[in-house]
PDB file of N, CA and C in Angstrom:
ATOM      1  N   UNK A   1     103.244  97.448  61.298  1.00  0.00           N
ATOM      2  CA  UNK A   1     104.683  96.852  61.757  1.00  0.00           C
ATOM      3  C   UNK A   1     104.399  96.408  63.074  1.00  0.00           C
ATOM      4  N   UNK A   2     103.659  97.146  63.910  1.00  0.00           N
ATOM      5  CA  UNK A   2     103.677  96.313  65.434  1.00  0.00           C
ATOM      6  C   UNK A   2     103.212  95.295  64.857  1.00  0.00           C
ATOM      7  N   UNK A   3     101.742  95.329  64.270  1.00  0.00           N
ATOM      8  CA  UNK A   3     101.260  93.647  64.232  1.00  0.00           C
ATOM      9  C   UNK A   3     102.401  92.633  63.272  1.00  0.00           C
ATOM     10  N   UNK A   4     102.894  93.019  62.784  1.00  0.00           N
ATOM     11  CA  UNK A   4     103.920  92.335  61.701  1.00  0.00           C
ATOM     12  C   UNK A   4     104.745  91.841  62.832  1.00  0.00           C
ATOM     13  N   UNK A   5     105.102  92.419  63.772  1.00  0.00           N
ATOM     14  CA  UNK A   5     106.222  91.579  64.547  1.00  0.00           C
ATOM     15  C   UNK A   5     105.462  91.317  65.601  1.00  0.00           C
ATOM     16  N   UNK A   6     103.954  91.665  66.180  1.00  0.00           N
ATOM     17  CA  UNK A   6     103.709  90.742  67.189  1.00  0.00           C
ATOM     18  C   UNK A   6     103.330  89.519  66.455  1.00  0.00           C
ATOM     19  N   UNK A   7     102.953  89.001  65.405  1.00  0.00           N
ATOM     20  CA  UNK A   7     102.694  87.931  64.827  1.00  0.00           C
ATOM     21  C   UNK A   7     104.194  87.078  64.726  1.00  0.00           C
ATOM     22  N   UNK A   8     105.567  88.018  64.298  1.00  0.00           N
ATOM     23  CA  UNK A   8     106.620  87.130  64.292  1.00  0.00           C
ATOM     24  C   UNK A   8     106.644  86.468  65.782  1.00  0.00           C
ATOM     25  N   UNK A   9     106.667  87.446  66.525  1.00  0.00           N
ATOM     26  CA  UNK A   9     106.910  87.165  67.970  1.00  0.00           C
ATOM     27  C   UNK A   9     106.170  85.497  68.367  1.00  0.00           C
ATOM     28  N   UNK A  10     104.920  85.549  68.058  1.00  0.00           N
ATOM     29  CA  UNK A  10     104.298  84.825  68.207  1.00  0.00           C
ATOM     30  C   UNK A  10     104.656  83.411  67.697  1.00  0.00           C
ATOM     31  N   UNK A  11     105.244  83.220  66.488  1.00  0.00           N
ATOM     32  CA  UNK A  11     105.809  82.184  66.033  1.00  0.00           C
ATOM     33  C   UNK A  11     107.465  81.745  65.613  1.00  0.00           C
ATOM     34  N   UNK A  12     107.836  82.500  66.943  1.00  0.00           N
ATOM     35  CA  UNK A  12     109.104  82.496  66.899  1.00  0.00           C
ATOM     36  C   UNK A  12     109.636  81.330  67.792  1.00  0.00           C
ATOM     37  N   UNK A  13     111.008  81.348  67.770  1.00  0.00           N
ATOM     38  CA  UNK A  13     111.500  80.803  68.722  1.00  0.00           C
ATOM     39  C   UNK A  13     112.074  81.218  70.070  1.00  0.00           C
ATOM     40  N   UNK A  14     112.780  80.922  70.887  1.00  0.00           N
ATOM     41  CA  UNK A  14     112.639  81.720  72.302  1.00  0.00           C
ATOM     42  C   UNK A  14     113.760  82.651  72.034  1.00  0.00           C
ATOM     43  N   UNK A  15     114.709  82.366  71.335  1.00  0.00           N
ATOM     44  CA  UNK A  15     115.758  83.354  70.887  1.00  0.00           C
ATOM     45  C   UNK A  15     115.540  84.359  69.577  1.00  0.00           C
ATOM     46  N   UNK A  16     114.659  84.095  68.603  1.00  0.00           N
ATOM     47  CA  UNK A  16     114.446  85.066  67.936  1.00  0.00           C
ATOM     48  C   UNK A  16     113.020  85.816  68.848  1.00  0.00           C
ATOM     49  N   UNK A  17     112.268  85.468  69.650  1.00  0.00           N
ATOM     50  CA  UNK A  17     111.553  86.050  70.289  1.00  0.00           C
ATOM     51  C   UNK A  17     111.919  86.924  71.181  1.00  0.00           C
ATOM     52  N   UNK A  18     113.327  87.243  71.729  1.00  0.00           N
ATOM     53  CA  UNK A  18     114.099  87.871  72.639  1.00  0.00           C
ATOM     54  C   UNK A  18     114.543  88.691  71.766  1.00  0.00           C
ATOM     55  N   UNK A  19     114.708  88.690  70.552  1.00  0.00           N
ATOM     56  CA  UNK A  19     114.924  89.616  69.402  1.00  0.00           C
ATOM     57  C   UNK A  19     114.217  90.629  69.215  1.00  0.00           C
ATOM     58  N   UNK A  20     113.209  89.951  68.407  1.00  0.00           N
ATOM     59  CA  UNK A  20     111.822  90.786  68.178  1.00  0.00           C
ATOM     60  C   UNK A  20     111.199  91.753  68.869  1.00  0.00           C
ATOM     61  N   UNK A  21     110.897  91.182  70.567  1.00  0.00           N
ATOM     62  CA  UNK A  21     110.514  91.887  71.633  1.00  0.00           C
ATOM     63  C   UNK A  21     111.233  92.834  71.861  1.00  0.00           C
ATOM     64  N   UNK A  22     112.747  93.248  71.531  1.00  0.00           N
ATOM     65  CA  UNK A  22     113.604  93.976  71.789  1.00  0.00           C
ATOM     66  C   UNK A  22     113.421  95.260  70.890  1.00  0.00           C
ATOM     67  N   UNK A  23     112.907  94.656  69.130  1.00  0.00           N
ATOM     68  CA  UNK A  23     112.750  95.243  68.203  1.00  0.00           C
ATOM     69  C   UNK A  23     111.410  96.174  68.608  1.00  0.00           C
ATOM     70  N   UNK A  24     110.209  95.235  69.132  1.00  0.00           N
ATOM     71  CA  UNK A  24     109.371  95.909  69.369  1.00  0.00           C
ATOM     72  C   UNK A  24     109.327  96.919  70.486  1.00  0.00           C
ATOM     73  N   UNK A  25     110.158  96.608  71.687  1.00  0.00           N
ATOM     74  CA  UNK A  25     109.978  97.820  72.656  1.00  0.00           C
ATOM     75  C   UNK A  25     110.774  99.038  71.833  1.00  0.00           C
ATOM     76  N   UNK A  26     111.760  98.911  71.355  1.00  0.00           N
ATOM     77  CA  UNK A  26     112.666  99.947  70.615  1.00  0.00           C
ATOM     78  C   UNK A  26     111.674 100.939  69.866  1.00  0.00           C
ATOM     79  N   UNK A  27     110.688 100.150  68.983  1.00  0.00           N
ATOM     80  CA  UNK A  27     109.664 100.926  67.913  1.00  0.00           C
ATOM     81  C   UNK A  27     108.926 101.879  69.016  1.00  0.00           C
ATOM     82  N   UNK A  28     108.155 100.967  69.985  1.00  0.00           N
ATOM     83  CA  UNK A  28     107.111 101.531  71.055  1.00  0.00           C
ATOM     84  C   UNK A  28     107.964 103.145  71.698  1.00  0.00           C
ATOM     85  N   UNK A  29     109.317 102.722  72.262  1.00  0.00           N
ATOM     86  CA  UNK A  29     109.546 104.010  72.752  1.00  0.00           C
ATOM     87  C   UNK A  29     110.039 105.081  71.889  1.00  0.00           C
ATOM     88  N   UNK A  30     110.402 104.793  70.394  1.00  0.00           N
ATOM     89  CA  UNK A  30     110.494 105.779  69.621  1.00  0.00           C
ATOM     90  C   UNK A  30     109.103 106.370  69.148  1.00  0.00           C
ATOM     91  N   UNK A  31     108.166 105.499  69.275  1.00  0.00           N
ATOM     92  CA  UNK A  31     107.230 106.338  69.055  1.00  0.00           C
ATOM     93  C   UNK A  31     106.586 107.209  69.937  1.00  0.00           C
ATOM     94  N   UNK A  32     106.392 106.520  71.663  1.00  0.00           N
ATOM     95  CA  UNK A  32     106.159 107.416  72.365  1.00  0.00           C
ATOM     96  C   UNK A  32     107.178 108.644  72.541  1.00  0.00           C
ATOM     97  N   UNK A  33     108.326 108.726  72.042  1.00  0.00           N
ATOM     98  CA  UNK A  33     109.144 109.923  71.785  1.00  0.00           C
ATOM     99  C   UNK A  33     108.605 111.200  71.179  1.00  0.00           C
ATOM    100  N   UNK A  34     108.241 110.399  69.841  1.00  0.00           N
ATOM    101  CA  UNK A  34     108.000 111.425  68.883  1.00  0.00           C
ATOM    102  C   UNK A  34     107.015 111.970  69.063  1.00  0.00           C
ATOM    103  N   UNK A  35     105.737 111.353  69.777  1.00  0.00           N
ATOM    104  CA  UNK A  35     104.486 111.451  69.887  1.00  0.00           C
ATOM    105  C   UNK A  35     104.936 112.868  71.518  1.00  0.00           C
ATOM    106  N   UNK A  36     105.801 113.043  72.289  1.00  0.00           N
ATOM    107  CA  UNK A  36     106.117 113.714  73.236  1.00  0.00           C
ATOM    108  C   UNK A  36     106.324 114.909  72.433  1.00  0.00           C
ATOM    109  N   UNK A  37     107.611 115.021  71.498  1.00  0.00           N
ATOM    110  CA  UNK A  37     108.072 115.978  70.936  1.00  0.00           C
ATOM    111  C   UNK A  37     106.964 116.606  70.323  1.00  0.00           C
ATOM    112  N   UNK A  38     106.236 116.384  69.639  1.00  0.00           N
ATOM    113  CA  UNK A  38     104.807 116.582  69.023  1.00  0.00           C
ATOM    114  C   UNK A  38     104.024 117.403  69.792  1.00  0.00           C
ATOM    115  N   UNK A  39     103.917 116.896  70.974  1.00  0.00           N
ATOM    116  CA  UNK A  39     102.697 117.403  72.005  1.00  0.00           C
ATOM    117  C   UNK A  39     103.524 118.594  72.561  1.00  0.00           C
ATOM    118  N   UNK A  40     104.963 118.589  72.673  1.00  0.00           N
ATOM    119  CA  UNK A  40     105.491 119.815  73.113  1.00  0.00           C
ATOM    120  C   UNK A  40     105.479 120.712  72.234  1.00  0.00           C
ATOM    121  N   UNK A  41     105.583 120.351  71.328  1.00  0.00           N
ATOM    122  CA  UNK A  41     105.754 121.419  70.019  1.00  0.00           C
ATOM    123  C   UNK A  41     104.224 122.372  69.789  1.00  0.00           C
ATOM    124  N   UNK A  42     103.391 121.368  69.885  1.00  0.00           N
ATOM    125  CA  UNK A  42     101.714 121.821  69.928  1.00  0.00           C
ATOM    126  C   UNK A  42     101.645 122.825  71.166  1.00  0.00           C
ATOM    127  N   UNK A  43     102.127 122.649  72.052  1.00  0.00           N
ATOM    128  CA  UNK A  43     102.203 123.563  73.445  1.00  0.00           C
ATOM    129  C   UNK A  43     102.848 124.692  72.959  1.00  0.00           C
ATOM    130  N   UNK A  44     104.100 124.722  72.748  1.00  0.00           N
ATOM    131  CA  UNK A  44     105.035 126.024  72.445  1.00  0.00           C
ATOM    132  C   UNK A  44     104.414 126.712  71.472  1.00  0.00           C
ATOM    133  N   UNK A  45     103.451 126.320  70.218  1.00  0.00           N
ATOM    134  CA  UNK A  45     103.044 127.208  69.148  1.00  0.00           C
ATOM    135  C   UNK A  45     102.241 127.533  70.141  1.00  0.00           C
ATOM    136  N   UNK A  46     101.116 127.021  70.652  1.00  0.00           N
ATOM    137  CA  UNK A  46      99.812 127.384  71.353  1.00  0.00           C
ATOM    138  C   UNK A  46     100.136 128.814  72.082  1.00  0.00           C
ATOM    139  N   UNK A  47     101.221 128.683  73.096  1.00  0.00           N
ATOM    140  CA  UNK A  47     101.560 129.463  74.128  1.00  0.00           C
ATOM    141  C   UNK A  47     102.031 130.684  72.910  1.00  0.00           C
ATOM    142  N   UNK A  48     102.782 130.628  71.995  1.00  0.00           N
ATOM    143  CA  UNK A  48     103.215 131.691  71.322  1.00  0.00           C
ATOM    144  C   UNK A  48     102.300 132.217  70.928  1.00  0.00           C
ATOM    145  N   UNK A  49     101.200 131.600  69.978  1.00  0.00           N
ATOM    146  CA  UNK A  49     100.285 131.971  69.634  1.00  0.00           C
ATOM    147  C   UNK A  49      99.549 133.198  70.876  1.00  0.00           C
ATOM    148  N   UNK A  50      99.114 132.547  71.699  1.00  0.00           N
ATOM    149  CA  UNK A  50      98.418 133.317  72.808  1.00  0.00           C
ATOM    150  C   UNK A  50      99.686 134.645  73.290  1.00  0.00           C
ATOM    151  N   UNK A  51     100.397 134.338  73.464  1.00  0.00           N
ATOM    152  CA  UNK A  51     101.432 135.664  73.847  1.00  0.00           C
ATOM    153  C   UNK A  51     101.658 136.602  72.974  1.00  0.00           C
ATOM    154  N   UNK A  52     101.305 136.318  71.451  1.00  0.00           N
ATOM    155  CA  UNK A  52     101.520 137.253  70.364  1.00  0.00           C
ATOM    156  C   UNK A  52      99.817 137.889  70.458  1.00  0.00           C
ATOM    157  N   UNK A  53      98.665 137.447  70.862  1.00  0.00           N
ATOM    158  CA  UNK A  53      97.556 138.020  70.827  1.00  0.00           C
ATOM    159  C   UNK A  53      97.047 139.187  71.668  1.00  0.00           C
TER     160      UNK A  53
END
């Protein structure tokens, strides 16, 4: 999806480019947030495992 948006940005007009760049930033932020939540969950799970041992 990121690659498709990047290609669209390269072929877009100035107005279209701004909209596409905003979408790309939103996707990037969403992916980073999801990864952070996954890491936090993984850390919590590991801590619970060691506390039970």
